[in-house]
């Protein structure tokens, strides 16, 4: 620590603008545009995959029934 000056040797004018606060720089956009948004793939649990598959299959069956005339469309039955 021989190269570090003592507090008595430091000029008081040098310390005028120094505070304990930290100034963070403003974040700016990079000069180049990103190609695409990076999306993280969603990993579902086995139970969630089964539930999603059941829901999709049930919706598909409802659509098939509506198209074939075996089930009324929802907006007709709500009178």
C-alpha atoms as a PDB file:
ATOM      1  CA  UNK A   1       0.000   0.000   0.000  1.00  0.00           C
ATOM      2  CA  UNK A   2       2.946   2.304  -0.393  1.00  0.00           C
ATOM      3  CA  UNK A   3       1.600   3.664  -3.685  1.00  0.00           C
ATOM      4  CA  UNK A   4      -1.778   4.646  -2.152  1.00  0.00           C
ATOM      5  CA  UNK A   5      -1.695   8.275  -0.951  1.00  0.00           C
ATOM      6  CA  UNK A   6      -2.769   9.147   2.578  1.00  0.00           C
ATOM      7  CA  UNK A   7      -6.035  11.017   3.086  1.00  0.00           C
ATOM      8  CA  UNK A   8      -4.055  14.056   4.195  1.00  0.00           C
ATOM      9  CA  UNK A   9      -2.256  14.178   0.846  1.00  0.00           C
ATOM     10  CA  UNK A  10      -5.481  14.134  -1.266  1.00  0.00           C
ATOM     11  CA  UNK A  11      -6.537  17.576  -2.530  1.00  0.00           C
ATOM     12  CA  UNK A  12     -10.048  18.512  -1.212  1.00  0.00           C
ATOM     13  CA  UNK A  13     -10.965  19.982  -4.620  1.00  0.00           C
ATOM     14  CA  UNK A  14     -10.477  16.503  -6.100  1.00  0.00           C
ATOM     15  CA  UNK A  15     -13.219  15.051  -3.856  1.00  0.00           C
ATOM     16  CA  UNK A  16     -15.889  17.718  -4.531  1.00  0.00           C
ATOM     17  CA  UNK A  17     -17.924  15.779  -7.139  1.00  0.00           C
ATOM     18  CA  UNK A  18     -17.475  12.321  -5.626  1.00  0.00           C
ATOM     19  CA  UNK A  19     -20.503  10.794  -3.862  1.00  0.00           C
ATOM     20  CA  UNK A  20     -21.488   7.347  -2.672  1.00  0.00           C
ATOM     21  CA  UNK A  21     -24.159   7.146  -5.392  1.00  0.00           C
ATOM     22  CA  UNK A  22     -23.657   5.118  -8.557  1.00  0.00           C
ATOM     23  CA  UNK A  23     -24.717   6.558 -11.904  1.00  0.00           C
ATOM     24  CA  UNK A  24     -25.821   3.908 -14.373  1.00  0.00           C
ATOM     25  CA  UNK A  25     -25.512   4.650 -18.087  1.00  0.00           C
ATOM     26  CA  UNK A  26     -28.681   4.884 -20.175  1.00  0.00           C
ATOM     27  CA  UNK A  27     -29.313   1.681 -22.090  1.00  0.00           C
ATOM     28  CA  UNK A  28     -29.466   2.232 -25.830  1.00  0.00           C
ATOM     29  CA  UNK A  29     -30.461  -0.114 -28.605  1.00  0.00           C
ATOM     30  CA  UNK A  30     -27.653  -1.878 -30.457  1.00  0.00           C
ATOM     31  CA  UNK A  31     -26.748  -0.384 -33.840  1.00  0.00           C
ATOM     32  CA  UNK A  32     -27.763  -3.598 -35.624  1.00  0.00           C
ATOM     33  CA  UNK A  33     -31.289  -4.991 -35.651  1.00  0.00           C
ATOM     34  CA  UNK A  34     -31.823  -8.432 -34.199  1.00  0.00           C
ATOM     35  CA  UNK A  35     -32.772 -11.071 -36.737  1.00  0.00           C
ATOM     36  CA  UNK A  36     -35.606 -12.596 -34.725  1.00  0.00           C
ATOM     37  CA  UNK A  37     -36.893 -12.609 -31.211  1.00  0.00           C
ATOM     38  CA  UNK A  38     -35.301 -15.463 -29.362  1.00  0.00           C
ATOM     39  CA  UNK A  39     -38.047 -17.633 -27.936  1.00  0.00           C
ATOM     40  CA  UNK A  40     -37.475 -20.249 -25.318  1.00  0.00           C
ATOM     41  CA  UNK A  41     -39.333 -23.484 -26.064  1.00  0.00           C
ATOM     42  CA  UNK A  42     -42.027 -24.420 -23.573  1.00  0.00           C
ATOM     43  CA  UNK A  43     -41.518 -27.796 -21.994  1.00  0.00           C
ATOM     44  CA  UNK A  44     -44.665 -29.354 -20.569  1.00  0.00           C
ATOM     45  CA  UNK A  45     -44.848 -32.096 -18.000  1.00  0.00           C
ATOM     46  CA  UNK A  46     -46.299 -35.460 -18.979  1.00  0.00           C
ATOM     47  CA  UNK A  47     -49.547 -34.603 -17.206  1.00  0.00           C
ATOM     48  CA  UNK A  48     -49.809 -31.237 -19.003  1.00  0.00           C
ATOM     49  CA  UNK A  49     -49.137 -32.856 -22.394  1.00  0.00           C
ATOM     50  CA  UNK A  50     -51.908 -35.400 -21.782  1.00  0.00           C
ATOM     51  CA  UNK A  51     -54.333 -32.672 -20.719  1.00  0.00           C
ATOM     52  CA  UNK A  52     -53.540 -30.535 -23.763  1.00  0.00           C
ATOM     53  CA  UNK A  53     -53.925 -33.526 -26.085  1.00  0.00           C
ATOM     54  CA  UNK A  54     -57.313 -34.389 -24.525  1.00  0.00           C
ATOM     55  CA  UNK A  55     -58.531 -30.805 -24.882  1.00  0.00           C
ATOM     56  CA  UNK A  56     -57.435 -30.591 -28.515  1.00  0.00           C
ATOM     57  CA  UNK A  57     -59.045 -33.916 -29.339  1.00  0.00           C
ATOM     58  CA  UNK A  58     -62.305 -32.899 -27.612  1.00  0.00           C
ATOM     59  CA  UNK A  59     -62.418 -29.599 -29.538  1.00  0.00           C
ATOM     60  CA  UNK A  60     -61.776 -31.417 -32.821  1.00  0.00           C
ATOM     61  CA  UNK A  61     -64.609 -33.858 -32.079  1.00  0.00           C
ATOM     62  CA  UNK A  62     -66.983 -30.954 -31.351  1.00  0.00           C
ATOM     63  CA  UNK A  63     -66.080 -29.317 -34.671  1.00  0.00           C
ATOM     64  CA  UNK A  64     -66.683 -32.580 -36.536  1.00  0.00           C
ATOM     65  CA  UNK A  65     -70.093 -32.971 -34.864  1.00  0.00           C
ATOM     66  CA  UNK A  66     -71.061 -29.371 -35.727  1.00  0.00           C
ATOM     67  CA  UNK A  67     -70.016 -29.770 -39.363  1.00  0.00           C
ATOM     68  CA  UNK A  68     -71.878 -33.057 -39.741  1.00  0.00           C
ATOM     69  CA  UNK A  69     -75.010 -31.606 -38.108  1.00  0.00           C
ATOM     70  CA  UNK A  70     -75.022 -33.882 -35.062  1.00  0.00           C
ATOM     71  CA  UNK A  71     -74.544 -30.968 -32.644  1.00  0.00           C
ATOM     72  CA  UNK A  72     -76.013 -27.476 -32.686  1.00  0.00           C
ATOM     73  CA  UNK A  73     -73.590 -24.592 -32.982  1.00  0.00           C
ATOM     74  CA  UNK A  74     -73.226 -22.831 -29.659  1.00  0.00           C
ATOM     75  CA  UNK A  75     -74.709 -19.485 -30.734  1.00  0.00           C
ATOM     76  CA  UNK A  76     -77.963 -21.194 -31.876  1.00  0.00           C
ATOM     77  CA  UNK A  77     -78.594 -22.937 -28.584  1.00  0.00           C
ATOM     78  CA  UNK A  78     -78.254 -19.752 -26.497  1.00  0.00           C
ATOM     79  CA  UNK A  79     -81.656 -18.137 -27.129  1.00  0.00           C
END
